[in-house]
Amino acid sequence: MFFQQPELPKDQPATETQQYGFELSDFLSENFWYLLIFIVVVALVIFDHYRRKKQRK
């Protein structure tokens, strides 16, 4: 079963974000919690690595 679109949408001028394709502030605001959790996990891994290295000496 195929549905045909009765008419094509009209072209609209692209916004600044659409022209550039990526905006850092949008990315950071949308992914803030994921980035924060990632940074915390990386910090915990680094601290654990140094703690274990210190215990081996």
PDB file of N, CA and C in Angstrom:
ATOM      1  N   MET A   1       0.847  -1.171   0.000  1.00  0.00           N
ATOM      2  CA  MET A   1       0.000   0.000   0.000  1.00  0.00           C
ATOM      3  C   MET A   1       0.896   1.239   0.000  1.00  0.00           C
ATOM      4  N   PHE A   2       0.778   2.045  -1.009  1.00  0.00           N
ATOM      5  CA  PHE A   2       1.598   3.238  -1.139  1.00  0.00           C
ATOM      6  C   PHE A   2       0.737   4.479  -0.969  1.00  0.00           C
ATOM      7  N   PHE A   3       1.257   5.418  -0.213  1.00  0.00           N
ATOM      8  CA  PHE A   3       0.573   6.693  -0.038  1.00  0.00           C
ATOM      9  C   PHE A   3       1.369   7.754  -0.788  1.00  0.00           C
ATOM     10  N   GLN A   4       0.709   8.438  -1.657  1.00  0.00           N
ATOM     11  CA  GLN A   4       1.386   9.490  -2.405  1.00  0.00           C
ATOM     12  C   GLN A   4       1.152  10.826  -1.724  1.00  0.00           C
ATOM     13  N   GLN A   5       2.201  11.589  -1.699  1.00  0.00           N
ATOM     14  CA  GLN A   5       2.099  12.920  -1.106  1.00  0.00           C
ATOM     15  C   GLN A   5       1.433  13.836  -2.136  1.00  0.00           C
ATOM     16  N   PRO A   6       0.336  14.495  -1.765  1.00  0.00           N
ATOM     17  CA  PRO A   6      -0.397  15.286  -2.755  1.00  0.00           C
ATOM     18  C   PRO A   6       0.411  16.448  -3.329  1.00  0.00           C
ATOM     19  N   GLU A   7       1.238  17.064  -2.529  1.00  0.00           N
ATOM     20  CA  GLU A   7       2.074  18.154  -3.036  1.00  0.00           C
ATOM     21  C   GLU A   7       3.363  18.198  -2.244  1.00  0.00           C
ATOM     22  N   LEU A   8       4.394  18.661  -2.880  1.00  0.00           N
ATOM     23  CA  LEU A   8       5.696  18.745  -2.228  1.00  0.00           C
ATOM     24  C   LEU A   8       5.753  19.977  -1.334  1.00  0.00           C
ATOM     25  N   PRO A   9       6.451  19.887  -0.210  1.00  0.00           N
ATOM     26  CA  PRO A   9       6.588  21.067   0.647  1.00  0.00           C
ATOM     27  C   PRO A   9       7.409  22.142  -0.064  1.00  0.00           C
ATOM     28  N   LYS A  10       7.105  23.374   0.226  1.00  0.00           N
ATOM     29  CA  LYS A  10       7.813  24.490  -0.403  1.00  0.00           C
ATOM     30  C   LYS A  10       9.156  24.692   0.282  1.00  0.00           C
ATOM     31  N   ASP A  11      10.122  25.067  -0.518  1.00  0.00           N
ATOM     32  CA  ASP A  11      11.457  25.332   0.024  1.00  0.00           C
ATOM     33  C   ASP A  11      11.421  26.548   0.936  1.00  0.00           C
ATOM     34  N   GLN A  12      12.124  26.415   2.051  1.00  0.00           N
ATOM     35  CA  GLN A  12      12.258  27.528   2.984  1.00  0.00           C
ATOM     36  C   GLN A  12      13.741  27.798   3.162  1.00  0.00           C
ATOM     37  N   PRO A  13      14.097  29.030   3.389  1.00  0.00           N
ATOM     38  CA  PRO A  13      15.520  29.312   3.615  1.00  0.00           C
ATOM     39  C   PRO A  13      16.010  28.618   4.886  1.00  0.00           C
ATOM     40  N   ALA A  14      17.229  28.125   4.832  1.00  0.00           N
ATOM     41  CA  ALA A  14      17.800  27.412   5.971  1.00  0.00           C
ATOM     42  C   ALA A  14      18.153  28.388   7.083  1.00  0.00           C
ATOM     43  N   THR A  15      17.983  27.919   8.308  1.00  0.00           N
ATOM     44  CA  THR A  15      18.399  28.731   9.447  1.00  0.00           C
ATOM     45  C   THR A  15      19.920  28.660   9.566  1.00  0.00           C
ATOM     46  N   GLU A  16      20.475  29.477  10.440  1.00  0.00           N
ATOM     47  CA  GLU A  16      21.933  29.505  10.603  1.00  0.00           C
ATOM     48  C   GLU A  16      22.453  28.151  11.082  1.00  0.00           C
ATOM     49  N   THR A  17      21.727  27.523  11.999  1.00  0.00           N
ATOM     50  CA  THR A  17      22.141  26.213  12.507  1.00  0.00           C
ATOM     51  C   THR A  17      22.064  25.158  11.416  1.00  0.00           C
ATOM     52  N   GLN A  18      21.041  25.203  10.597  1.00  0.00           N
ATOM     53  CA  GLN A  18      20.900  24.218   9.531  1.00  0.00           C
ATOM     54  C   GLN A  18      21.980  24.399   8.475  1.00  0.00           C
ATOM     55  N   GLN A  19      22.373  25.624   8.205  1.00  0.00           N
ATOM     56  CA  GLN A  19      23.429  25.860   7.220  1.00  0.00           C
ATOM     57  C   GLN A  19      24.756  25.322   7.723  1.00  0.00           C
ATOM     58  N   TYR A  20      25.049  25.588   8.982  1.00  0.00           N
ATOM     59  CA  TYR A  20      26.321  25.134   9.544  1.00  0.00           C
ATOM     60  C   TYR A  20      26.253  23.650   9.879  1.00  0.00           C
ATOM     61  N   GLY A  21      25.103  23.185  10.336  1.00  0.00           N
ATOM     62  CA  GLY A  21      24.918  21.774  10.613  1.00  0.00           C
ATOM     63  C   GLY A  21      25.220  21.366  12.039  1.00  0.00           C
ATOM     64  N   PHE A  22      25.952  22.169  12.778  1.00  0.00           N
ATOM     65  CA  PHE A  22      26.329  21.787  14.138  1.00  0.00           C
ATOM     66  C   PHE A  22      26.605  23.047  14.938  1.00  0.00           C
ATOM     67  N   GLU A  23      26.099  23.073  16.143  1.00  0.00           N
ATOM     68  CA  GLU A  23      26.381  24.204  17.024  1.00  0.00           C
ATOM     69  C   GLU A  23      26.760  23.634  18.388  1.00  0.00           C
ATOM     70  N   LEU A  24      27.918  24.008  18.874  1.00  0.00           N
ATOM     71  CA  LEU A  24      28.452  23.434  20.106  1.00  0.00           C
ATOM     72  C   LEU A  24      27.540  23.690  21.296  1.00  0.00           C
ATOM     73  N   SER A  25      26.971  24.864  21.388  1.00  0.00           N
ATOM     74  CA  SER A  25      26.103  25.170  22.533  1.00  0.00           C
ATOM     75  C   SER A  25      24.868  24.273  22.551  1.00  0.00           C
ATOM     76  N   ASP A  26      24.307  23.977  21.376  1.00  0.00           N
ATOM     77  CA  ASP A  26      23.163  23.057  21.308  1.00  0.00           C
ATOM     78  C   ASP A  26      23.572  21.661  21.758  1.00  0.00           C
ATOM     79  N   PHE A  27      24.733  21.208  21.281  1.00  0.00           N
ATOM     80  CA  PHE A  27      25.211  19.878  21.644  1.00  0.00           C
ATOM     81  C   PHE A  27      25.427  19.767  23.149  1.00  0.00           C
ATOM     82  N   LEU A  28      26.073  20.769  23.746  1.00  0.00           N
ATOM     83  CA  LEU A  28      26.355  20.722  25.182  1.00  0.00           C
ATOM     84  C   LEU A  28      25.082  20.788  26.010  1.00  0.00           C
ATOM     85  N   SER A  29      24.137  21.609  25.608  1.00  0.00           N
ATOM     86  CA  SER A  29      22.899  21.726  26.388  1.00  0.00           C
ATOM     87  C   SER A  29      22.045  20.469  26.282  1.00  0.00           C
ATOM     88  N   GLU A  30      22.057  19.801  25.132  1.00  0.00           N
ATOM     89  CA  GLU A  30      21.249  18.595  24.960  1.00  0.00           C
ATOM     90  C   GLU A  30      21.893  17.373  25.608  1.00  0.00           C
ATOM     91  N   ASN A  31      23.207  17.360  25.726  1.00  0.00           N
ATOM     92  CA  ASN A  31      23.908  16.178  26.227  1.00  0.00           C
ATOM     93  C   ASN A  31      24.670  16.446  27.514  1.00  0.00           C
ATOM     94  N   PHE A  32      24.240  17.421  28.298  1.00  0.00           N
ATOM     95  CA  PHE A  32      24.969  17.829  29.496  1.00  0.00           C
ATOM     96  C   PHE A  32      25.153  16.670  30.474  1.00  0.00           C
ATOM     97  N   TRP A  33      24.074  15.960  30.801  1.00  0.00           N
ATOM     98  CA  TRP A  33      24.159  14.895  31.805  1.00  0.00           C
ATOM     99  C   TRP A  33      25.013  13.733  31.320  1.00  0.00           C
ATOM    100  N   TYR A  34      24.913  13.381  30.035  1.00  0.00           N
ATOM    101  CA  TYR A  34      25.738  12.297  29.504  1.00  0.00           C
ATOM    102  C   TYR A  34      27.216  12.664  29.559  1.00  0.00           C
ATOM    103  N   LEU A  35      27.536  13.894  29.211  1.00  0.00           N
ATOM    104  CA  LEU A  35      28.929  14.336  29.261  1.00  0.00           C
ATOM    105  C   LEU A  35      29.447  14.388  30.691  1.00  0.00           C
ATOM    106  N   LEU A  36      28.612  14.844  31.622  1.00  0.00           N
ATOM    107  CA  LEU A  36      29.009  14.912  33.026  1.00  0.00           C
ATOM    108  C   LEU A  36      29.286  13.512  33.580  1.00  0.00           C
ATOM    109  N   ILE A  37      28.413  12.568  33.294  1.00  0.00           N
ATOM    110  CA  ILE A  37      28.610  11.189  33.762  1.00  0.00           C
ATOM    111  C   ILE A  37      29.873  10.602  33.140  1.00  0.00           C
ATOM    112  N   PHE A  38      30.108  10.860  31.859  1.00  0.00           N
ATOM    113  CA  PHE A  38      31.304  10.360  31.189  1.00  0.00           C
ATOM    114  C   PHE A  38      32.565  10.908  31.849  1.00  0.00           C
ATOM    115  N   ILE A  39      32.572  12.195  32.162  1.00  0.00           N
ATOM    116  CA  ILE A  39      33.737  12.815  32.801  1.00  0.00           C
ATOM    117  C   ILE A  39      33.967  12.230  34.190  1.00  0.00           C
ATOM    118  N   VAL A  40      32.902  11.990  34.953  1.00  0.00           N
ATOM    119  CA  VAL A  40      33.031  11.406  36.293  1.00  0.00           C
ATOM    120  C   VAL A  40      33.602   9.996  36.198  1.00  0.00           C
ATOM    121  N   VAL A  41      33.114   9.199  35.256  1.00  0.00           N
ATOM    122  CA  VAL A  41      33.618   7.826  35.105  1.00  0.00           C
ATOM    123  C   VAL A  41      35.091   7.843  34.710  1.00  0.00           C
ATOM    124  N   VAL A  42      35.469   8.699  33.791  1.00  0.00           N
ATOM    125  CA  VAL A  42      36.874   8.788  33.380  1.00  0.00           C
ATOM    126  C   VAL A  42      37.743   9.219  34.557  1.00  0.00           C
ATOM    127  N   ALA A  43      37.278  10.178  35.349  1.00  0.00           N
ATOM    128  CA  ALA A  43      38.038  10.625  36.516  1.00  0.00           C
ATOM    129  C   ALA A  43      38.201   9.492  37.525  1.00  0.00           C
ATOM    130  N   LEU A  44      37.145   8.712  37.764  1.00  0.00           N
ATOM    131  CA  LEU A  44      37.240   7.584  38.694  1.00  0.00           C
ATOM    132  C   LEU A  44      38.237   6.542  38.205  1.00  0.00           C
ATOM    133  N   VAL A  45      38.247   6.263  36.925  1.00  0.00           N
ATOM    134  CA  VAL A  45      39.198   5.290  36.373  1.00  0.00           C
ATOM    135  C   VAL A  45      40.627   5.797  36.535  1.00  0.00           C
ATOM    136  N   ILE A  46      40.864   7.063  36.275  1.00  0.00           N
ATOM    137  CA  ILE A  46      42.217   7.625  36.405  1.00  0.00           C
ATOM    138  C   ILE A  46      42.667   7.618  37.861  1.00  0.00           C
ATOM    139  N   PHE A  47      41.793   8.029  38.787  1.00  0.00           N
ATOM    140  CA  PHE A  47      42.157   8.020  40.206  1.00  0.00           C
ATOM    141  C   PHE A  47      42.428   6.605  40.699  1.00  0.00           C
ATOM    142  N   ASP A  48      41.634   5.639  40.254  1.00  0.00           N
ATOM    143  CA  ASP A  48      41.851   4.252  40.663  1.00  0.00           C
ATOM    144  C   ASP A  48      43.176   3.731  40.117  1.00  0.00           C
ATOM    145  N   HIS A  49      43.510   4.103  38.896  1.00  0.00           N
ATOM    146  CA  HIS A  49      44.775   3.680  38.306  1.00  0.00           C
ATOM    147  C   HIS A  49      45.954   4.191  39.136  1.00  0.00           C
ATOM    148  N   TYR A  50      45.926   5.465  39.503  1.00  0.00           N
ATOM    149  CA  TYR A  50      47.017   6.024  40.307  1.00  0.00           C
ATOM    150  C   TYR A  50      47.044   5.430  41.714  1.00  0.00           C
ATOM    151  N   ARG A  51      45.879   5.134  42.286  1.00  0.00           N
ATOM    152  CA  ARG A  51      45.826   4.536  43.620  1.00  0.00           C
ATOM    153  C   ARG A  51      46.448   3.143  43.600  1.00  0.00           C
ATOM    154  N   ARG A  52      46.112   2.350  42.578  1.00  0.00           N
ATOM    155  CA  ARG A  52      46.686   1.002  42.482  1.00  0.00           C
ATOM    156  C   ARG A  52      48.178   1.053  42.187  1.00  0.00           C
ATOM    157  N   LYS A  53      48.594   2.010  41.383  1.00  0.00           N
ATOM    158  CA  LYS A  53      50.012   2.156  41.065  1.00  0.00           C
ATOM    159  C   LYS A  53      50.799   2.507  42.322  1.00  0.00           C
ATOM    160  N   LYS A  54      50.225   3.347  43.180  1.00  0.00           N
ATOM    161  CA  LYS A  54      50.876   3.752  44.421  1.00  0.00           C
ATOM    162  C   LYS A  54      50.963   2.577  45.400  1.00  0.00           C
ATOM    163  N   GLN A  55      49.937   1.721  45.430  1.00  0.00           N
ATOM    164  CA  GLN A  55      49.933   0.571  46.338  1.00  0.00           C
ATOM    165  C   GLN A  55      50.971  -0.466  45.929  1.00  0.00           C
ATOM    166  N   ARG A  56      51.267  -0.575  44.642  1.00  0.00           N
ATOM    167  CA  ARG A  56      52.236  -1.565  44.167  1.00  0.00           C
ATOM    168  C   ARG A  56      53.658  -1.218  44.576  1.00  0.00           C
ATOM    169  N   LYS A  57      53.933   0.047  44.790  1.00  0.00           N
ATOM    170  CA  LYS A  57      55.303   0.459  45.134  1.00  0.00           C
ATOM    171  C   LYS A  57      55.677   0.122  46.541  1.00  0.00           C
TER     172      LYS A  57
END
